[in-house]
C-alpha atoms as a PDB file:
ATOM      1  CA  MET A   1       0.000   0.000   0.000  1.00  0.00           C
ATOM      2  CA  GLU A   2       1.397   3.381  -1.034  1.00  0.00           C
ATOM      3  CA  LYS A   3       1.787   5.927   1.730  1.00  0.00           C
ATOM      4  CA  GLU A   4      -0.219   9.129   1.149  1.00  0.00           C
ATOM      5  CA  LYS A   5       1.986  12.098   0.296  1.00  0.00           C
ATOM      6  CA  THR A   6       2.156  14.744   2.978  1.00  0.00           C
ATOM      7  CA  ARG A   7       3.999  17.364   0.932  1.00  0.00           C
ATOM      8  CA  TYR A   8       5.093  18.127  -2.617  1.00  0.00           C
ATOM      9  CA  THR A   9       8.610  17.212  -3.768  1.00  0.00           C
ATOM     10  CA  ASP A  10      11.244  19.890  -4.314  1.00  0.00           C
ATOM     11  CA  GLU A  11      10.799  19.467  -8.092  1.00  0.00           C
ATOM     12  CA  GLU A  12       7.039  19.988  -7.798  1.00  0.00           C
ATOM     13  CA  LEU A  13       7.590  23.001  -5.551  1.00  0.00           C
ATOM     14  CA  GLN A  14       9.969  24.450  -8.150  1.00  0.00           C
ATOM     15  CA  GLU A  15       7.255  24.109 -10.823  1.00  0.00           C
ATOM     16  CA  PHE A  16       4.792  25.995  -8.607  1.00  0.00           C
ATOM     17  CA  LYS A  17       7.437  28.619  -7.813  1.00  0.00           C
ATOM     18  CA  GLU A  18       7.881  29.332 -11.531  1.00  0.00           C
ATOM     19  CA  ILE A  19       4.102  29.648 -12.010  1.00  0.00           C
ATOM     20  CA  ILE A  20       3.859  32.039  -9.054  1.00  0.00           C
ATOM     21  CA  LEU A  21       6.838  34.156 -10.143  1.00  0.00           C
ATOM     22  CA  ALA A  22       5.303  34.553 -13.620  1.00  0.00           C
ATOM     23  CA  LYS A  23       1.927  35.564 -12.145  1.00  0.00           C
ATOM     24  CA  LEU A  24       3.657  37.949  -9.726  1.00  0.00           C
ATOM     25  CA  GLU A  25       5.485  39.665 -12.582  1.00  0.00           C
ATOM     26  CA  VAL A  26       2.217  40.203 -14.474  1.00  0.00           C
ATOM     27  CA  ALA A  27       0.470  41.392 -11.299  1.00  0.00           C
ATOM     28  CA  LYS A  28       3.227  43.932 -10.551  1.00  0.00           C
ATOM     29  CA  SER A  29       3.032  45.258 -14.105  1.00  0.00           C
ATOM     30  CA  GLU A  30      -0.763  45.631 -13.865  1.00  0.00           C
ATOM     31  CA  PHE A  31      -0.412  47.325 -10.469  1.00  0.00           C
ATOM     32  CA  LYS A  32       2.047  49.869 -11.920  1.00  0.00           C
ATOM     33  CA  THR A  33      -0.407  50.596 -14.740  1.00  0.00           C
ATOM     34  CA  LEU A  34      -3.215  51.161 -12.229  1.00  0.00           C
ATOM     35  CA  GLN A  35      -0.990  53.459 -10.161  1.00  0.00           C
ATOM     36  CA  SER A  36      -0.014  55.511 -13.196  1.00  0.00           C
ATOM     37  CA  ASN A  37      -3.682  55.772 -14.280  1.00  0.00           C
ATOM     38  CA  LEU A  38      -4.551  57.054 -10.816  1.00  0.00           C
ATOM     39  CA  ARG A  39      -1.700  59.571 -10.938  1.00  0.00           C
ATOM     40  CA  ASP A  40      -2.562  60.720 -14.456  1.00  0.00           C
ATOM     41  CA  GLY A  41      -6.207  61.063 -13.495  1.00  0.00           C
ATOM     42  CA  ASN A  42      -5.232  63.369 -10.631  1.00  0.00           C
ATOM     43  CA  GLU A  43      -3.013  65.486 -12.857  1.00  0.00           C
ATOM     44  CA  ASN A  44      -5.640  65.841 -15.582  1.00  0.00           C
ATOM     45  CA  GLY A  45      -8.256  67.292 -13.274  1.00  0.00           C
ATOM     46  CA  THR A  46     -10.409  69.927 -14.906  1.00  0.00           C
ATOM     47  CA  ASP A  47      -9.614  73.299 -13.389  1.00  0.00           C
ATOM     48  CA  SER A  48     -12.106  75.148 -15.555  1.00  0.00           C
ATOM     49  CA  THR A  49     -13.463  78.450 -14.360  1.00  0.00           C
ATOM     50  CA  ASN A  50     -16.900  77.559 -15.732  1.00  0.00           C
ATOM     51  CA  ASN A  51     -18.239  75.181 -13.077  1.00  0.00           C
ATOM     52  CA  ASN A  52     -21.725  74.797 -14.582  1.00  0.00           C
ATOM     53  CA  TYR A  53     -20.757  71.728 -16.630  1.00  0.00           C
ATOM     54  CA  LEU A  54     -18.466  69.985 -14.176  1.00  0.00           C
ATOM     55  CA  THR A  55     -20.921  68.204 -11.909  1.00  0.00           C
ATOM     56  CA  LEU A  56     -21.572  65.174 -14.169  1.00  0.00           C
ATOM     57  CA  ASP A  57     -17.905  64.892 -15.130  1.00  0.00           C
ATOM     58  CA  ASP A  58     -16.853  65.188 -11.499  1.00  0.00           C
ATOM     59  CA  GLY A  59     -19.166  62.320 -10.573  1.00  0.00           C
ATOM     60  CA  ALA A  60     -17.790  60.154 -13.381  1.00  0.00           C
ATOM     61  CA  ASP A  61     -14.207  61.062 -12.442  1.00  0.00           C
ATOM     62  CA  THR A  62     -14.855  60.217  -8.791  1.00  0.00           C
ATOM     63  CA  PHE A  63     -16.419  56.896  -9.757  1.00  0.00           C
ATOM     64  CA  GLU A  64     -13.464  56.108 -12.037  1.00  0.00           C
ATOM     65  CA  LYS A  65     -10.933  56.950  -9.288  1.00  0.00           C
ATOM     66  CA  GLU A  66     -12.786  54.811  -6.739  1.00  0.00           C
ATOM     67  CA  ASN A  67     -12.893  51.955  -9.228  1.00  0.00           C
ATOM     68  CA  LEU A  68      -9.155  52.266  -9.940  1.00  0.00           C
ATOM     69  CA  ASN A  69      -8.424  52.430  -6.210  1.00  0.00           C
ATOM     70  CA  GLN A  70     -10.425  49.235  -5.627  1.00  0.00           C
ATOM     71  CA  LEU A  71      -8.635  47.474  -8.484  1.00  0.00           C
ATOM     72  CA  ALA A  72      -5.252  48.609  -7.150  1.00  0.00           C
ATOM     73  CA  ALA A  73      -6.106  47.411  -3.619  1.00  0.00           C
ATOM     74  CA  HIS A  74      -7.262  44.060  -5.009  1.00  0.00           C
ATOM     75  CA  GLN A  75      -4.085  43.729  -7.062  1.00  0.00           C
ATOM     76  CA  LEU A  76      -1.926  44.570  -4.042  1.00  0.00           C
ATOM     77  CA  LYS A  77      -3.686  41.881  -1.967  1.00  0.00           C
ATOM     78  CA  PHE A  78      -3.189  39.359  -4.810  1.00  0.00           C
ATOM     79  CA  MET A  79       0.540  40.199  -4.945  1.00  0.00           C
ATOM     80  CA  LYS A  80       0.884  39.766  -1.166  1.00  0.00           C
ATOM     81  CA  ASN A  81      -0.891  36.390  -1.384  1.00  0.00           C
ATOM     82  CA  LEU A  82       1.503  35.281  -4.142  1.00  0.00           C
ATOM     83  CA  GLU A  83       4.502  36.417  -2.086  1.00  0.00           C
ATOM     84  CA  ALA A  84       3.153  34.498   0.929  1.00  0.00           C
ATOM     85  CA  ALA A  85       2.880  31.412  -1.306  1.00  0.00           C
ATOM     86  CA  LEU A  86       6.564  31.822  -2.224  1.00  0.00           C
ATOM     87  CA  VAL A  87       7.422  31.836   1.488  1.00  0.00           C
ATOM     88  CA  ARG A  88       5.425  28.615   1.936  1.00  0.00           C
ATOM     89  CA  ILE A  89       7.404  27.081  -0.937  1.00  0.00           C
ATOM     90  CA  GLU A  90      10.674  28.019   0.784  1.00  0.00           C
ATOM     91  CA  ASN A  91       9.339  26.512   4.037  1.00  0.00           C
ATOM     92  CA  LYS A  92       8.159  23.411   2.127  1.00  0.00           C
ATOM     93  CA  THR A  93       4.624  23.871   3.465  1.00  0.00           C
ATOM     94  CA  TYR A  94       3.171  24.983   0.121  1.00  0.00           C
ATOM     95  CA  GLY A  95       0.170  23.035  -1.138  1.00  0.00           C
ATOM     96  CA  ILE A  96      -0.900  21.775   2.277  1.00  0.00           C
ATOM     97  CA  CYS A  97      -4.461  22.735   3.221  1.00  0.00           C
ATOM     98  CA  LYS A  98      -4.452  24.924   6.337  1.00  0.00           C
ATOM     99  CA  THR A  99      -7.804  23.467   7.397  1.00  0.00           C
ATOM    100  CA  SER A 100      -7.540  19.731   6.702  1.00  0.00           C
ATOM    101  CA  GLY A 101      -3.764  19.252   6.486  1.00  0.00           C
ATOM    102  CA  LYS A 102      -4.231  17.327   3.229  1.00  0.00           C
ATOM    103  CA  LEU A 103      -2.431  18.081  -0.015  1.00  0.00           C
ATOM    104  CA  ILE A 104      -4.244  20.537  -2.260  1.00  0.00           C
ATOM    105  CA  PRO A 105      -4.631  18.974  -5.739  1.00  0.00           C
ATOM    106  CA  LYS A 106      -2.118  20.186  -8.332  1.00  0.00           C
ATOM    107  CA  GLU A 107      -4.903  21.284 -10.696  1.00  0.00           C
ATOM    108  CA  ARG A 108      -6.250  23.683  -8.052  1.00  0.00           C
ATOM    109  CA  LEU A 109      -2.782  25.028  -7.289  1.00  0.00           C
ATOM    110  CA  ARG A 110      -2.102  25.634 -10.977  1.00  0.00           C
ATOM    111  CA  ALA A 111      -5.392  27.524 -11.300  1.00  0.00           C
ATOM    112  CA  VAL A 112      -5.143  29.397  -7.969  1.00  0.00           C
ATOM    113  CA  PRO A 113      -1.466  29.199  -6.951  1.00  0.00           C
ATOM    114  CA  HIS A 114      -1.898  31.304  -3.809  1.00  0.00           C
ATOM    115  CA  THR A 115      -4.674  29.162  -2.311  1.00  0.00           C
ATOM    116  CA  THR A 116      -4.234  27.744   1.175  1.00  0.00           C
ATOM    117  CA  GLN A 117      -7.237  25.403   1.160  1.00  0.00           C
ATOM    118  CA  THR A 118      -8.717  22.505  -0.740  1.00  0.00           C
ATOM    119  CA  ILE A 119     -12.063  23.148  -2.422  1.00  0.00           C
ATOM    120  CA  GLU A 120     -13.771  20.919   0.175  1.00  0.00           C
ATOM    121  CA  ALA A 121     -12.342  22.914   3.078  1.00  0.00           C
ATOM    122  CA  LYS A 122     -13.241  26.228   1.442  1.00  0.00           C
ATOM    123  CA  LEU A 123     -16.833  25.117   0.755  1.00  0.00           C
ATOM    124  CA  LYS A 124     -17.309  24.059   4.402  1.00  0.00           C
ATOM    125  CA  LYS A 125     -16.827  27.657   5.573  1.00  0.00           C
END
């Protein structure tokens, strides 16, 4: 009878590390784009002396800034989760469900490399 694996091999961890590093690079690039859009939006504010026509534009601008801020915050959280996954790889605890202690299936880790739970554990919440 084959003993159930309790952790991924170093080779498997290396594969996940490469996936995470690639996703992290893309995420950082997207975050920089969001930051520059926020900056540019602030610099292109309309300082017109005729305020009669600004109210609708101001509302749209405010909505756009809030939306960009939310996207940037989400992206930052995603990057932190990916970096935490890299730490788990270094500690050789990556891919182990924090709830059940079982190995998270490779397919799930490839799809959501920063996850800390199996689907079953997540659905029980």
